[in-house]
mmCIF file of all heavy atoms, coordinates in Angstrom:
data_MODEL
# 
_entry.id   MODEL 
# 
loop_
_atom_site.group_PDB 
_atom_site.id 
_atom_site.type_symbol 
_atom_site.label_atom_id 
_atom_site.label_alt_id 
_atom_site.label_comp_id 
_atom_site.label_asym_id 
_atom_site.label_entity_id 
_atom_site.label_seq_id 
_atom_site.pdbx_PDB_ins_code 
_atom_site.Cartn_x 
_atom_site.Cartn_y 
_atom_site.Cartn_z 
_atom_site.occupancy 
_atom_site.B_iso_or_equiv 
_atom_site.pdbx_formal_charge 
_atom_site.auth_seq_id 
_atom_site.auth_comp_id 
_atom_site.auth_asym_id 
_atom_site.auth_atom_id 
_atom_site.pdbx_PDB_model_num 
ATOM 1   N N   . ALA A 1 1  ? -0.469  3.488   -3.725  1.00 0.00 ? 1  ALA A N   1 
ATOM 2   C CA  . ALA A 1 1  ? -0.842  4.269   -2.553  1.00 0.00 ? 1  ALA A CA  1 
ATOM 3   C C   . ALA A 1 1  ? 0.256   4.537   -1.670  1.00 0.00 ? 1  ALA A C   1 
ATOM 4   O O   . ALA A 1 1  ? 0.605   5.696   -1.113  1.00 0.00 ? 1  ALA A O   1 
ATOM 5   C CB  . ALA A 1 1  ? -2.005  3.574   -1.761  1.00 0.00 ? 1  ALA A CB  1 
ATOM 6   N N   . GLY A 1 2  ? 1.053   3.419   -1.442  1.00 0.00 ? 2  GLY A N   1 
ATOM 7   C CA  . GLY A 1 2  ? 2.333   3.460   -0.583  1.00 0.00 ? 2  GLY A CA  1 
ATOM 8   C C   . GLY A 1 2  ? 3.314   4.503   -0.959  1.00 0.00 ? 2  GLY A C   1 
ATOM 9   O O   . GLY A 1 2  ? 3.799   5.352   -0.236  1.00 0.00 ? 2  GLY A O   1 
ATOM 10  N N   . PHE A 1 3  ? 3.592   4.448   -2.357  1.00 0.00 ? 3  PHE A N   1 
ATOM 11  C CA  . PHE A 1 3  ? 4.444   5.374   -2.955  1.00 0.00 ? 3  PHE A CA  1 
ATOM 12  C C   . PHE A 1 3  ? 4.036   6.742   -2.841  1.00 0.00 ? 3  PHE A C   1 
ATOM 13  O O   . PHE A 1 3  ? 4.704   7.814   -2.603  1.00 0.00 ? 3  PHE A O   1 
ATOM 14  C CB  . PHE A 1 3  ? 4.873   5.023   -4.389  1.00 0.00 ? 3  PHE A CB  1 
ATOM 15  C CG  . PHE A 1 3  ? 5.821   3.862   -4.506  1.00 0.00 ? 3  PHE A CG  1 
ATOM 16  C CD1 . PHE A 1 3  ? 5.543   2.800   -5.239  1.00 0.00 ? 3  PHE A CD1 1 
ATOM 17  C CD2 . PHE A 1 3  ? 7.121   3.952   -3.834  1.00 0.00 ? 3  PHE A CD2 1 
ATOM 18  C CE1 . PHE A 1 3  ? 6.381   1.619   -5.300  1.00 0.00 ? 3  PHE A CE1 1 
ATOM 19  C CE2 . PHE A 1 3  ? 7.908   2.882   -3.918  1.00 0.00 ? 3  PHE A CE2 1 
ATOM 20  C CZ  . PHE A 1 3  ? 7.693   1.680   -4.598  1.00 0.00 ? 3  PHE A CZ  1 
ATOM 21  N N   . ALA A 1 4  ? 2.714   7.022   -3.163  1.00 0.00 ? 4  ALA A N   1 
ATOM 22  C CA  . ALA A 1 4  ? 2.098   8.315   -3.053  1.00 0.00 ? 4  ALA A CA  1 
ATOM 23  C C   . ALA A 1 4  ? 2.237   8.947   -1.752  1.00 0.00 ? 4  ALA A C   1 
ATOM 24  O O   . ALA A 1 4  ? 2.520   10.112  -1.474  1.00 0.00 ? 4  ALA A O   1 
ATOM 25  C CB  . ALA A 1 4  ? 0.699   8.330   -3.544  1.00 0.00 ? 4  ALA A CB  1 
ATOM 26  N N   . LEU A 1 5  ? 1.942   8.085   -0.664  1.00 0.00 ? 5  LEU A N   1 
ATOM 27  C CA  . LEU A 1 5  ? 1.978   8.441   0.752   1.00 0.00 ? 5  LEU A CA  1 
ATOM 28  C C   . LEU A 1 5  ? 3.505   8.897   1.011   1.00 0.00 ? 5  LEU A C   1 
ATOM 29  O O   . LEU A 1 5  ? 3.798   9.865   1.703   1.00 0.00 ? 5  LEU A O   1 
ATOM 30  C CB  . LEU A 1 5  ? 1.545   7.418   1.691   1.00 0.00 ? 5  LEU A CB  1 
ATOM 31  C CG  . LEU A 1 5  ? 0.030   7.194   1.611   1.00 0.00 ? 5  LEU A CG  1 
ATOM 32  C CD1 . LEU A 1 5  ? -0.260  5.855   2.340   1.00 0.00 ? 5  LEU A CD1 1 
ATOM 33  C CD2 . LEU A 1 5  ? -0.780  8.305   2.238   1.00 0.00 ? 5  LEU A CD2 1 
ATOM 34  N N   . PHE A 1 6  ? 4.409   8.066   0.631   1.00 0.00 ? 6  PHE A N   1 
ATOM 35  C CA  . PHE A 1 6  ? 5.864   8.296   0.901   1.00 0.00 ? 6  PHE A CA  1 
ATOM 36  C C   . PHE A 1 6  ? 6.231   9.561   0.217   1.00 0.00 ? 6  PHE A C   1 
ATOM 37  O O   . PHE A 1 6  ? 6.938   10.462  0.931   1.00 0.00 ? 6  PHE A O   1 
ATOM 38  C CB  . PHE A 1 6  ? 6.665   7.175   0.374   1.00 0.00 ? 6  PHE A CB  1 
ATOM 39  C CG  . PHE A 1 6  ? 8.092   7.256   0.492   1.00 0.00 ? 6  PHE A CG  1 
ATOM 40  C CD1 . PHE A 1 6  ? 8.648   6.866   1.819   1.00 0.00 ? 6  PHE A CD1 1 
ATOM 41  C CD2 . PHE A 1 6  ? 8.941   7.802   -0.427  1.00 0.00 ? 6  PHE A CD2 1 
ATOM 42  C CE1 . PHE A 1 6  ? 10.075  7.056   1.935   1.00 0.00 ? 6  PHE A CE1 1 
ATOM 43  C CE2 . PHE A 1 6  ? 10.328  7.899   -0.200  1.00 0.00 ? 6  PHE A CE2 1 
ATOM 44  C CZ  . PHE A 1 6  ? 10.866  7.620   0.979   1.00 0.00 ? 6  PHE A CZ  1 
ATOM 45  N N   . ASP A 1 7  ? 5.889   9.768   -1.018  1.00 0.00 ? 7  ASP A N   1 
ATOM 46  C CA  . ASP A 1 7  ? 6.253   10.962  -1.814  1.00 0.00 ? 7  ASP A CA  1 
ATOM 47  C C   . ASP A 1 7  ? 5.616   12.235  -1.116  1.00 0.00 ? 7  ASP A C   1 
ATOM 48  O O   . ASP A 1 7  ? 6.167   13.344  -1.243  1.00 0.00 ? 7  ASP A O   1 
ATOM 49  C CB  . ASP A 1 7  ? 5.821   10.816  -3.273  1.00 0.00 ? 7  ASP A CB  1 
ATOM 50  C CG  . ASP A 1 7  ? 6.639   9.872   -4.113  1.00 0.00 ? 7  ASP A CG  1 
ATOM 51  O OD1 . ASP A 1 7  ? 7.721   9.455   -3.485  1.00 0.00 ? 7  ASP A OD1 1 
ATOM 52  O OD2 . ASP A 1 7  ? 6.240   9.661   -5.203  1.00 0.00 ? 7  ASP A OD2 1 
ATOM 53  N N   . ALA A 1 8  ? 4.509   12.051  -0.480  1.00 0.00 ? 8  ALA A N   1 
ATOM 54  C CA  . ALA A 1 8  ? 3.770   13.184  0.232   1.00 0.00 ? 8  ALA A CA  1 
ATOM 55  C C   . ALA A 1 8  ? 4.436   13.395  1.610   1.00 0.00 ? 8  ALA A C   1 
ATOM 56  O O   . ALA A 1 8  ? 3.888   14.349  2.349   1.00 0.00 ? 8  ALA A O   1 
ATOM 57  C CB  . ALA A 1 8  ? 2.360   12.939  0.284   1.00 0.00 ? 8  ALA A CB  1 
ATOM 58  N N   . GLY A 1 9  ? 5.431   12.727  1.902   1.00 0.00 ? 9  GLY A N   1 
ATOM 59  C CA  . GLY A 1 9  ? 6.089   12.945  3.254   1.00 0.00 ? 9  GLY A CA  1 
ATOM 60  C C   . GLY A 1 9  ? 5.615   12.136  4.384   1.00 0.00 ? 9  GLY A C   1 
ATOM 61  O O   . GLY A 1 9  ? 5.872   12.438  5.474   1.00 0.00 ? 9  GLY A O   1 
ATOM 62  N N   . MET A 1 10 ? 4.636   11.173  4.160   1.00 0.00 ? 10 MET A N   1 
ATOM 63  C CA  . MET A 1 10 ? 4.113   10.401  5.217   1.00 0.00 ? 10 MET A CA  1 
ATOM 64  C C   . MET A 1 10 ? 4.765   9.072   5.316   1.00 0.00 ? 10 MET A C   1 
ATOM 65  O O   . MET A 1 10 ? 5.547   8.668   4.432   1.00 0.00 ? 10 MET A O   1 
ATOM 66  C CB  . MET A 1 10 ? 2.540   10.142  4.897   1.00 0.00 ? 10 MET A CB  1 
ATOM 67  C CG  . MET A 1 10 ? 1.733   11.514  5.051   1.00 0.00 ? 10 MET A CG  1 
ATOM 68  S SD  . MET A 1 10 ? 0.074   11.242  4.786   1.00 0.00 ? 10 MET A SD  1 
ATOM 69  C CE  . MET A 1 10 ? 0.028   12.225  3.076   1.00 0.00 ? 10 MET A CE  1 
ATOM 70  N N   . GLN A 1 11 ? 4.459   8.373   6.325   1.00 0.00 ? 11 GLN A N   1 
ATOM 71  C CA  . GLN A 1 11 ? 5.118   7.002   6.628   1.00 0.00 ? 11 GLN A CA  1 
ATOM 72  C C   . GLN A 1 11 ? 4.088   5.922   6.514   1.00 0.00 ? 11 GLN A C   1 
ATOM 73  O O   . GLN A 1 11 ? 3.353   5.568   7.303   1.00 0.00 ? 11 GLN A O   1 
ATOM 74  C CB  . GLN A 1 11 ? 5.562   7.042   8.141   1.00 0.00 ? 11 GLN A CB  1 
ATOM 75  C CG  . GLN A 1 11 ? 6.137   5.732   8.664   1.00 0.00 ? 11 GLN A CG  1 
ATOM 76  C CD  . GLN A 1 11 ? 7.448   5.467   8.111   1.00 0.00 ? 11 GLN A CD  1 
ATOM 77  O OE1 . GLN A 1 11 ? 8.353   6.438   7.934   1.00 0.00 ? 11 GLN A OE1 1 
ATOM 78  N NE2 . GLN A 1 11 ? 7.818   4.325   7.652   1.00 0.00 ? 11 GLN A NE2 1 
ATOM 79  N N   . PRO A 1 12 ? 4.015   5.406   5.181   1.00 0.00 ? 12 PRO A N   1 
ATOM 80  C CA  . PRO A 1 12 ? 3.164   4.303   5.038   1.00 0.00 ? 12 PRO A CA  1 
ATOM 81  C C   . PRO A 1 12 ? 3.570   2.953   5.529   1.00 0.00 ? 12 PRO A C   1 
ATOM 82  O O   . PRO A 1 12 ? 4.871   2.713   5.508   1.00 0.00 ? 12 PRO A O   1 
ATOM 83  C CB  . PRO A 1 12 ? 3.015   4.233   3.434   1.00 0.00 ? 12 PRO A CB  1 
ATOM 84  C CG  . PRO A 1 12 ? 4.356   4.718   2.988   1.00 0.00 ? 12 PRO A CG  1 
ATOM 85  C CD  . PRO A 1 12 ? 4.855   5.708   4.107   1.00 0.00 ? 12 PRO A CD  1 
ATOM 86  N N   . THR A 1 13 ? 2.696   2.105   6.025   1.00 0.00 ? 13 THR A N   1 
ATOM 87  C CA  . THR A 1 13 ? 3.060   0.833   6.504   1.00 0.00 ? 13 THR A CA  1 
ATOM 88  C C   . THR A 1 13 ? 2.047   -0.156  5.882   1.00 0.00 ? 13 THR A C   1 
ATOM 89  O O   . THR A 1 13 ? 0.844   -0.109  6.223   1.00 0.00 ? 13 THR A O   1 
ATOM 90  C CB  . THR A 1 13 ? 3.129   0.722   8.048   1.00 0.00 ? 13 THR A CB  1 
ATOM 91  O OG1 . THR A 1 13 ? 4.012   1.709   8.466   1.00 0.00 ? 13 THR A OG1 1 
ATOM 92  C CG2 . THR A 1 13 ? 3.494   -0.654  8.528   1.00 0.00 ? 13 THR A CG2 1 
ATOM 93  N N   . LEU A 1 14 ? 2.415   -1.135  5.145   1.00 0.00 ? 14 LEU A N   1 
ATOM 94  C CA  . LEU A 1 14 ? 1.579   -2.080  4.477   1.00 0.00 ? 14 LEU A CA  1 
ATOM 95  C C   . LEU A 1 14 ? 1.245   -3.263  5.611   1.00 0.00 ? 14 LEU A C   1 
ATOM 96  O O   . LEU A 1 14 ? 2.085   -3.846  6.095   1.00 0.00 ? 14 LEU A O   1 
ATOM 97  C CB  . LEU A 1 14 ? 2.205   -2.712  3.294   1.00 0.00 ? 14 LEU A CB  1 
ATOM 98  C CG  . LEU A 1 14 ? 1.383   -3.743  2.490   1.00 0.00 ? 14 LEU A CG  1 
ATOM 99  C CD1 . LEU A 1 14 ? 0.154   -3.094  1.849   1.00 0.00 ? 14 LEU A CD1 1 
ATOM 100 C CD2 . LEU A 1 14 ? 2.258   -4.468  1.520   1.00 0.00 ? 14 LEU A CD2 1 
ATOM 101 N N   . LEU A 1 15 ? -0.025  -3.468  5.728   1.00 0.00 ? 15 LEU A N   1 
ATOM 102 C CA  . LEU A 1 15 ? -0.436  -4.419  6.582   1.00 0.00 ? 15 LEU A CA  1 
ATOM 103 C C   . LEU A 1 15 ? -0.626  -5.757  5.800   1.00 0.00 ? 15 LEU A C   1 
ATOM 104 O O   . LEU A 1 15 ? -1.721  -6.047  5.324   1.00 0.00 ? 15 LEU A O   1 
ATOM 105 C CB  . LEU A 1 15 ? -1.718  -4.185  7.271   1.00 0.00 ? 15 LEU A CB  1 
ATOM 106 C CG  . LEU A 1 15 ? -1.734  -2.852  8.146   1.00 0.00 ? 15 LEU A CG  1 
ATOM 107 C CD1 . LEU A 1 15 ? -3.119  -2.524  8.702   1.00 0.00 ? 15 LEU A CD1 1 
ATOM 108 C CD2 . LEU A 1 15 ? -0.752  -2.952  9.335   1.00 0.00 ? 15 LEU A CD2 1 
ATOM 109 N N   . ALA A 1 16 ? 0.382   -6.540  5.628   1.00 0.00 ? 16 ALA A N   1 
ATOM 110 C CA  . ALA A 1 16 ? 0.479   -7.674  4.727   1.00 0.00 ? 16 ALA A CA  1 
ATOM 111 C C   . ALA A 1 16 ? -0.596  -8.746  5.051   1.00 0.00 ? 16 ALA A C   1 
ATOM 112 O O   . ALA A 1 16 ? -1.166  -9.380  4.185   1.00 0.00 ? 16 ALA A O   1 
ATOM 113 C CB  . ALA A 1 16 ? 1.846   -8.328  4.734   1.00 0.00 ? 16 ALA A CB  1 
ATOM 114 N N   . SER A 1 17 ? -1.033  -8.788  6.313   1.00 0.00 ? 17 SER A N   1 
ATOM 115 C CA  . SER A 1 17 ? -2.065  -9.705  6.666   1.00 0.00 ? 17 SER A CA  1 
ATOM 116 C C   . SER A 1 17 ? -3.419  -9.257  6.201   1.00 0.00 ? 17 SER A C   1 
ATOM 117 O O   . SER A 1 17 ? -4.384  -10.093 6.405   1.00 0.00 ? 17 SER A O   1 
ATOM 118 C CB  . SER A 1 17 ? -2.009  -10.051 8.165   1.00 0.00 ? 17 SER A CB  1 
ATOM 119 O OG  . SER A 1 17 ? -2.286  -8.877  8.859   1.00 0.00 ? 17 SER A OG  1 
ATOM 120 N N   . LEU A 1 18 ? -3.576  -8.069  5.758   1.00 0.00 ? 18 LEU A N   1 
ATOM 121 C CA  . LEU A 1 18 ? -4.801  -7.480  5.330   1.00 0.00 ? 18 LEU A CA  1 
ATOM 122 C C   . LEU A 1 18 ? -4.778  -7.056  3.926   1.00 0.00 ? 18 LEU A C   1 
ATOM 123 O O   . LEU A 1 18 ? -5.254  -5.939  3.590   1.00 0.00 ? 18 LEU A O   1 
ATOM 124 C CB  . LEU A 1 18 ? -5.381  -6.411  6.311   1.00 0.00 ? 18 LEU A CB  1 
ATOM 125 C CG  . LEU A 1 18 ? -5.882  -6.815  7.694   1.00 0.00 ? 18 LEU A CG  1 
ATOM 126 C CD1 . LEU A 1 18 ? -6.190  -5.620  8.462   1.00 0.00 ? 18 LEU A CD1 1 
ATOM 127 C CD2 . LEU A 1 18 ? -7.060  -7.864  7.532   1.00 0.00 ? 18 LEU A CD2 1 
ATOM 128 N N   . THR A 1 19 ? -4.052  -7.715  3.065   1.00 0.00 ? 19 THR A N   1 
ATOM 129 C CA  . THR A 1 19 ? -4.053  -7.345  1.664   1.00 0.00 ? 19 THR A CA  1 
ATOM 130 C C   . THR A 1 19 ? -4.356  -8.662  0.756   1.00 0.00 ? 19 THR A C   1 
ATOM 131 O O   . THR A 1 19 ? -4.328  -9.778  1.237   1.00 0.00 ? 19 THR A O   1 
ATOM 132 C CB  . THR A 1 19 ? -2.594  -6.894  1.270   1.00 0.00 ? 19 THR A CB  1 
ATOM 133 O OG1 . THR A 1 19 ? -1.702  -8.031  1.271   1.00 0.00 ? 19 THR A OG1 1 
ATOM 134 C CG2 . THR A 1 19 ? -2.176  -5.818  2.153   1.00 0.00 ? 19 THR A CG2 1 
ATOM 135 N N   . ARG A 1 20 ? -4.769  -8.336  -0.492  1.00 0.00 ? 20 ARG A N   1 
ATOM 136 C CA  . ARG A 1 20 ? -5.066  -9.348  -1.402  1.00 0.00 ? 20 ARG A CA  1 
ATOM 137 C C   . ARG A 1 20 ? -4.605  -8.874  -2.736  1.00 0.00 ? 20 ARG A C   1 
ATOM 138 O O   . ARG A 1 20 ? -4.748  -7.718  -3.088  1.00 0.00 ? 20 ARG A O   1 
ATOM 139 C CB  . ARG A 1 20 ? -6.558  -9.658  -1.379  1.00 0.00 ? 20 ARG A CB  1 
ATOM 140 C CG  . ARG A 1 20 ? -7.009  -10.678 -2.423  1.00 0.00 ? 20 ARG A CG  1 
ATOM 141 C CD  . ARG A 1 20 ? -6.915  -12.063 -1.717  1.00 0.00 ? 20 ARG A CD  1 
ATOM 142 N NE  . ARG A 1 20 ? -7.303  -13.162 -2.498  1.00 0.00 ? 20 ARG A NE  1 
ATOM 143 C CZ  . ARG A 1 20 ? -8.475  -13.752 -2.407  1.00 0.00 ? 20 ARG A CZ  1 
ATOM 144 N NH1 . ARG A 1 20 ? -9.348  -13.545 -1.519  1.00 0.00 ? 20 ARG A NH1 1 
ATOM 145 N NH2 . ARG A 1 20 ? -8.722  -14.877 -3.152  1.00 0.00 ? 20 ARG A NH2 1 
ATOM 146 N N   . GLY A 1 21 ? -4.076  -9.798  -3.667  1.00 0.00 ? 21 GLY A N   1 
ATOM 147 C CA  . GLY A 1 21 ? -3.710  -9.431  -4.859  1.00 0.00 ? 21 GLY A CA  1 
ATOM 148 C C   . GLY A 1 21 ? -4.856  -9.053  -5.872  1.00 0.00 ? 21 GLY A C   1 
ATOM 149 O O   . GLY A 1 21 ? -6.030  -9.082  -5.373  1.00 0.00 ? 21 GLY A O   1 
ATOM 150 N N   . SER A 1 22 ? -4.568  -8.899  -7.067  1.00 0.00 ? 22 SER A N   1 
ATOM 151 C CA  . SER A 1 22 ? -5.571  -8.521  -8.069  1.00 0.00 ? 22 SER A CA  1 
ATOM 152 C C   . SER A 1 22 ? -6.637  -9.627  -8.186  1.00 0.00 ? 22 SER A C   1 
ATOM 153 O O   . SER A 1 22 ? -6.388  -10.715 -8.331  1.00 0.00 ? 22 SER A O   1 
ATOM 154 C CB  . SER A 1 22 ? -5.020  -8.411  -9.471  1.00 0.00 ? 22 SER A CB  1 
ATOM 155 O OG  . SER A 1 22 ? -5.919  -8.136  -10.360 1.00 0.00 ? 22 SER A OG  1 
ATOM 156 N N   . SER A 1 23 ? -7.938  -9.059  -8.171  1.00 0.00 ? 23 SER A N   1 
ATOM 157 C CA  . SER A 1 23 ? -9.085  -9.943  -8.255  1.00 0.00 ? 23 SER A CA  1 
ATOM 158 C C   . SER A 1 23 ? -9.326  -10.356 -9.663  1.00 0.00 ? 23 SER A C   1 
ATOM 159 O O   . SER A 1 23 ? -10.032 -11.408 -9.916  1.00 0.00 ? 23 SER A O   1 
ATOM 160 C CB  . SER A 1 23 ? -10.283 -9.321  -7.711  1.00 0.00 ? 23 SER A CB  1 
ATOM 161 O OG  . SER A 1 23 ? -10.688 -8.120  -8.400  1.00 0.00 ? 23 SER A OG  1 
ATOM 162 N N   . ILE A 1 24 ? -8.793  -9.668  -10.699 1.00 0.00 ? 24 ILE A N   1 
ATOM 163 C CA  . ILE A 1 24 ? -9.067  -10.066 -12.021 1.00 0.00 ? 24 ILE A CA  1 
ATOM 164 C C   . ILE A 1 24 ? -7.941  -10.877 -12.665 1.00 0.00 ? 24 ILE A C   1 
ATOM 165 O O   . ILE A 1 24 ? -8.012  -11.459 -13.658 1.00 0.00 ? 24 ILE A O   1 
ATOM 166 C CB  . ILE A 1 24 ? -9.314  -8.835  -12.994 1.00 0.00 ? 24 ILE A CB  1 
ATOM 167 C CG1 . ILE A 1 24 ? -8.009  -7.902  -12.874 1.00 0.00 ? 24 ILE A CG1 1 
ATOM 168 C CG2 . ILE A 1 24 ? -10.513 -8.005  -12.498 1.00 0.00 ? 24 ILE A CG2 1 
ATOM 169 C CD1 . ILE A 1 24 ? -8.141  -6.770  -13.952 1.00 0.00 ? 24 ILE A CD1 1 
ATOM 170 N N   . ASP A 1 25 ? -6.798  -10.970 -11.831 1.00 0.00 ? 25 ASP A N   1 
ATOM 171 C CA  . ASP A 1 25 ? -5.646  -11.773 -12.407 1.00 0.00 ? 25 ASP A CA  1 
ATOM 172 C C   . ASP A 1 25 ? -4.960  -12.411 -11.202 1.00 0.00 ? 25 ASP A C   1 
ATOM 173 O O   . ASP A 1 25 ? -3.944  -11.828 -10.704 1.00 0.00 ? 25 ASP A O   1 
ATOM 174 C CB  . ASP A 1 25 ? -4.809  -10.972 -13.253 1.00 0.00 ? 25 ASP A CB  1 
ATOM 175 C CG  . ASP A 1 25 ? -3.514  -11.787 -13.778 1.00 0.00 ? 25 ASP A CG  1 
ATOM 176 O OD1 . ASP A 1 25 ? -3.728  -12.971 -13.810 1.00 0.00 ? 25 ASP A OD1 1 
ATOM 177 O OD2 . ASP A 1 25 ? -2.477  -11.147 -14.038 1.00 0.00 ? 25 ASP A OD2 1 
# 
């Protein structure tokens, strides 16, 4: 999502405190 937003000319900012890794691995 971050790369797609960047490629679309937008400024993505990942909120690290509101993320979680893969639930299946």
